[in-house]
N, C-alpha and C. Protein backbone atom coordinates (compact mmCIF):
# COMPACT_ATOMS: atom_id res chain seq x y z
N UNK A 1 64.00 39.99 30.51
CA UNK A 1 63.89 38.67 31.08
C UNK A 1 64.58 37.67 30.14
N UNK A 2 65.17 36.69 30.77
CA UNK A 2 65.83 35.61 30.04
C UNK A 2 65.35 34.29 30.64
N UNK A 3 65.59 33.21 29.91
CA UNK A 3 65.16 31.92 30.42
C UNK A 3 66.14 30.83 30.00
N UNK A 4 66.08 29.73 30.74
CA UNK A 4 66.88 28.56 30.40
C UNK A 4 66.27 27.34 31.05
N UNK A 5 66.61 26.19 30.52
CA UNK A 5 66.22 24.92 31.11
C UNK A 5 67.47 24.35 31.76
N UNK A 6 67.39 24.09 33.07
CA UNK A 6 68.55 23.64 33.82
C UNK A 6 68.16 22.46 34.69
N UNK A 7 68.67 21.29 34.37
CA UNK A 7 68.41 20.08 35.15
C UNK A 7 66.93 19.88 35.43
N UNK A 8 66.14 19.96 34.36
CA UNK A 8 64.68 19.76 34.41
C UNK A 8 63.94 20.84 35.18
N UNK A 9 64.55 21.99 35.32
CA UNK A 9 63.92 23.16 35.93
C UNK A 9 63.86 24.27 34.88
N UNK A 10 62.70 24.84 34.70
CA UNK A 10 62.56 26.00 33.82
C UNK A 10 62.84 27.25 34.66
N UNK A 11 63.85 28.02 34.23
CA UNK A 11 64.27 29.19 34.99
C UNK A 11 64.05 30.45 34.16
N UNK A 12 63.34 31.39 34.74
CA UNK A 12 63.16 32.72 34.14
C UNK A 12 63.80 33.70 35.10
N UNK A 13 64.70 34.53 34.58
CA UNK A 13 65.41 35.44 35.46
C UNK A 13 65.57 36.80 34.79
N UNK A 14 65.77 37.81 35.62
CA UNK A 14 65.89 39.16 35.09
C UNK A 14 66.42 40.11 36.13
N UNK A 15 66.19 41.39 35.86
CA UNK A 15 66.65 42.45 36.75
C UNK A 15 65.54 43.48 36.89
N UNK A 16 65.22 43.82 38.12
CA UNK A 16 64.18 44.81 38.39
C UNK A 16 64.85 46.13 38.76
N UNK A 17 64.45 47.19 38.10
CA UNK A 17 65.02 48.51 38.36
C UNK A 17 64.45 49.09 39.65
N UNK A 18 65.33 49.50 40.55
CA UNK A 18 64.93 50.23 41.75
C UNK A 18 64.91 51.71 41.37
N UNK A 19 63.73 52.29 41.30
CA UNK A 19 63.59 53.66 40.81
C UNK A 19 64.23 54.70 41.74
N UNK A 20 64.39 54.36 43.01
CA UNK A 20 64.98 55.33 43.95
C UNK A 20 66.50 55.42 43.79
N UNK A 21 67.14 54.27 43.53
CA UNK A 21 68.60 54.26 43.44
C UNK A 21 69.11 54.21 42.01
N UNK A 22 68.26 53.80 41.07
CA UNK A 22 68.69 53.63 39.69
C UNK A 22 69.52 52.37 39.48
N UNK A 23 69.48 51.47 40.47
CA UNK A 23 70.23 50.22 40.37
C UNK A 23 69.27 49.05 40.17
N UNK A 24 69.82 47.86 39.94
CA UNK A 24 69.02 46.71 39.56
C UNK A 24 69.12 45.58 40.58
N UNK A 25 67.97 44.96 40.86
CA UNK A 25 67.90 43.82 41.78
C UNK A 25 67.68 42.55 40.96
N UNK A 26 68.42 41.48 41.26
CA UNK A 26 68.21 40.20 40.58
C UNK A 26 66.86 39.59 40.98
N UNK A 27 66.16 39.04 40.01
CA UNK A 27 64.87 38.38 40.26
C UNK A 27 64.81 37.08 39.47
N UNK A 28 63.98 36.16 39.93
CA UNK A 28 63.85 34.92 39.19
C UNK A 28 62.65 34.10 39.61
N UNK A 29 62.30 33.18 38.72
CA UNK A 29 61.25 32.21 39.01
C UNK A 29 61.70 30.87 38.45
N UNK A 30 61.48 29.82 39.25
CA UNK A 30 61.88 28.47 38.89
C UNK A 30 60.63 27.60 38.91
N UNK A 31 60.45 26.81 37.86
CA UNK A 31 59.29 25.91 37.77
C UNK A 31 59.82 24.51 37.46
N UNK A 32 59.25 23.49 38.11
CA UNK A 32 59.65 22.12 37.85
C UNK A 32 58.44 21.22 37.92
N UNK A 33 58.56 20.06 37.29
CA UNK A 33 57.51 19.05 37.30
C UNK A 33 58.10 17.75 37.83
N UNK A 34 57.37 17.09 38.70
CA UNK A 34 57.84 15.82 39.25
C UNK A 34 57.41 14.69 38.32
N UNK A 35 57.97 13.54 38.56
CA UNK A 35 57.61 12.36 37.76
C UNK A 35 56.18 11.91 38.02
N UNK A 36 55.62 12.35 39.14
CA UNK A 36 54.24 11.98 39.49
C UNK A 36 53.24 12.99 38.94
N UNK A 37 53.70 13.92 38.12
CA UNK A 37 52.80 14.87 37.50
C UNK A 37 52.55 16.15 38.28
N UNK A 38 53.12 16.25 39.46
CA UNK A 38 52.95 17.47 40.25
C UNK A 38 53.97 18.50 39.80
N UNK A 39 53.69 19.76 40.08
CA UNK A 39 54.66 20.80 39.75
C UNK A 39 54.83 21.74 40.94
N UNK A 40 55.90 22.49 40.89
CA UNK A 40 56.17 23.45 41.94
C UNK A 40 56.80 24.70 41.36
N UNK A 41 56.77 25.75 42.12
CA UNK A 41 57.40 27.01 41.71
C UNK A 41 58.13 27.63 42.90
N UNK A 42 59.12 28.40 42.56
CA UNK A 42 59.86 29.18 43.56
C UNK A 42 60.22 30.50 42.91
N UNK A 43 59.93 31.59 43.58
CA UNK A 43 60.27 32.93 43.07
C UNK A 43 61.18 33.63 44.06
N UNK A 44 62.02 34.51 43.55
CA UNK A 44 62.88 35.28 44.44
C UNK A 44 63.16 36.66 43.87
N UNK A 45 63.41 37.59 44.75
CA UNK A 45 63.90 38.93 44.43
C UNK A 45 64.97 39.22 45.47
N UNK A 46 66.18 39.41 45.02
CA UNK A 46 67.30 39.62 45.95
C UNK A 46 67.38 41.09 46.34
N UNK A 47 67.86 41.34 47.54
CA UNK A 47 67.95 42.73 48.01
C UNK A 47 69.23 43.42 47.57
N UNK A 48 70.23 42.66 47.18
CA UNK A 48 71.49 43.25 46.71
C UNK A 48 71.24 43.96 45.37
N UNK A 49 71.76 45.17 45.23
CA UNK A 49 71.55 45.96 44.02
C UNK A 49 72.85 46.06 43.21
N UNK A 50 72.70 46.15 41.88
CA UNK A 50 73.83 46.20 40.97
C UNK A 50 73.70 47.40 40.04
N UNK A 51 74.82 47.88 39.57
CA UNK A 51 74.84 49.07 38.72
C UNK A 51 74.22 48.84 37.35
N UNK A 52 74.33 47.60 36.84
CA UNK A 52 73.79 47.31 35.51
C UNK A 52 72.81 46.14 35.56
N UNK A 53 71.91 46.12 34.60
CA UNK A 53 70.96 45.02 34.50
C UNK A 53 71.69 43.71 34.18
N UNK A 54 72.73 43.78 33.37
CA UNK A 54 73.48 42.57 33.02
C UNK A 54 74.12 41.92 34.25
N UNK A 55 74.66 42.73 35.14
CA UNK A 55 75.25 42.20 36.37
C UNK A 55 74.17 41.51 37.22
N UNK A 56 73.04 42.18 37.37
CA UNK A 56 71.95 41.63 38.17
C UNK A 56 71.42 40.34 37.57
N UNK A 57 71.30 40.29 36.25
CA UNK A 57 70.82 39.07 35.59
C UNK A 57 71.79 37.91 35.77
N UNK A 58 73.08 38.19 35.71
CA UNK A 58 74.07 37.13 35.90
C UNK A 58 73.96 36.55 37.31
N UNK A 59 73.78 37.40 38.29
CA UNK A 59 73.63 36.95 39.68
C UNK A 59 72.32 36.17 39.83
N UNK A 60 71.26 36.65 39.21
CA UNK A 60 69.97 35.95 39.28
C UNK A 60 70.06 34.56 38.67
N UNK A 61 70.74 34.44 37.55
CA UNK A 61 70.90 33.13 36.90
C UNK A 61 71.65 32.17 37.83
N UNK A 62 72.74 32.61 38.42
CA UNK A 62 73.50 31.75 39.31
C UNK A 62 72.71 31.38 40.57
N UNK A 63 71.97 32.33 41.12
CA UNK A 63 71.14 32.04 42.29
C UNK A 63 70.09 30.98 41.96
N UNK A 64 69.46 31.10 40.81
CA UNK A 64 68.42 30.14 40.40
C UNK A 64 69.02 28.75 40.19
N UNK A 65 70.16 28.68 39.54
CA UNK A 65 70.82 27.39 39.31
C UNK A 65 71.23 26.75 40.63
N UNK A 66 71.74 27.55 41.55
CA UNK A 66 72.14 27.05 42.86
C UNK A 66 70.92 26.54 43.63
N UNK A 67 69.81 27.27 43.53
CA UNK A 67 68.59 26.85 44.21
C UNK A 67 68.11 25.50 43.65
N UNK A 68 68.14 25.35 42.32
CA UNK A 68 67.72 24.10 41.69
C UNK A 68 68.62 22.95 42.13
N UNK A 69 69.91 23.19 42.20
CA UNK A 69 70.85 22.16 42.66
C UNK A 69 70.51 21.72 44.09
N UNK A 70 70.26 22.69 44.96
CA UNK A 70 69.92 22.37 46.35
C UNK A 70 68.61 21.58 46.42
N UNK A 71 67.66 21.95 45.60
CA UNK A 71 66.38 21.23 45.60
C UNK A 71 66.59 19.77 45.20
N UNK A 72 67.40 19.54 44.19
CA UNK A 72 67.63 18.17 43.73
C UNK A 72 68.32 17.32 44.79
N UNK A 73 69.19 17.92 45.57
CA UNK A 73 69.87 17.18 46.64
C UNK A 73 68.87 16.76 47.72
N UNK A 74 67.85 17.60 47.95
CA UNK A 74 66.88 17.34 49.01
C UNK A 74 65.67 16.53 48.58
N UNK A 75 65.54 16.23 47.29
CA UNK A 75 64.41 15.43 46.79
C UNK A 75 64.71 13.95 46.99
N UNK A 76 63.74 13.24 47.52
CA UNK A 76 63.92 11.80 47.70
C UNK A 76 63.20 11.09 46.56
N UNK A 77 63.81 10.01 46.04
CA UNK A 77 63.16 9.25 44.93
C UNK A 77 61.87 8.58 45.35
């Protein structure tokens, strides 16, 4: 598992091993806090599989960052 702070979102991402295929699925969790003190979470596990954990983690990181970007566009002040 790896983590980063991206535009006020805490992102934890990784790769889950599919024991049947020996390949890796990107996974992630995003946590954020609003200015009003509320917080939210979003978790995902992608169905696309990759040959290496590093590939899956890179995809998971980009998916999480994209999700955070979309959330910020849809948040009203």
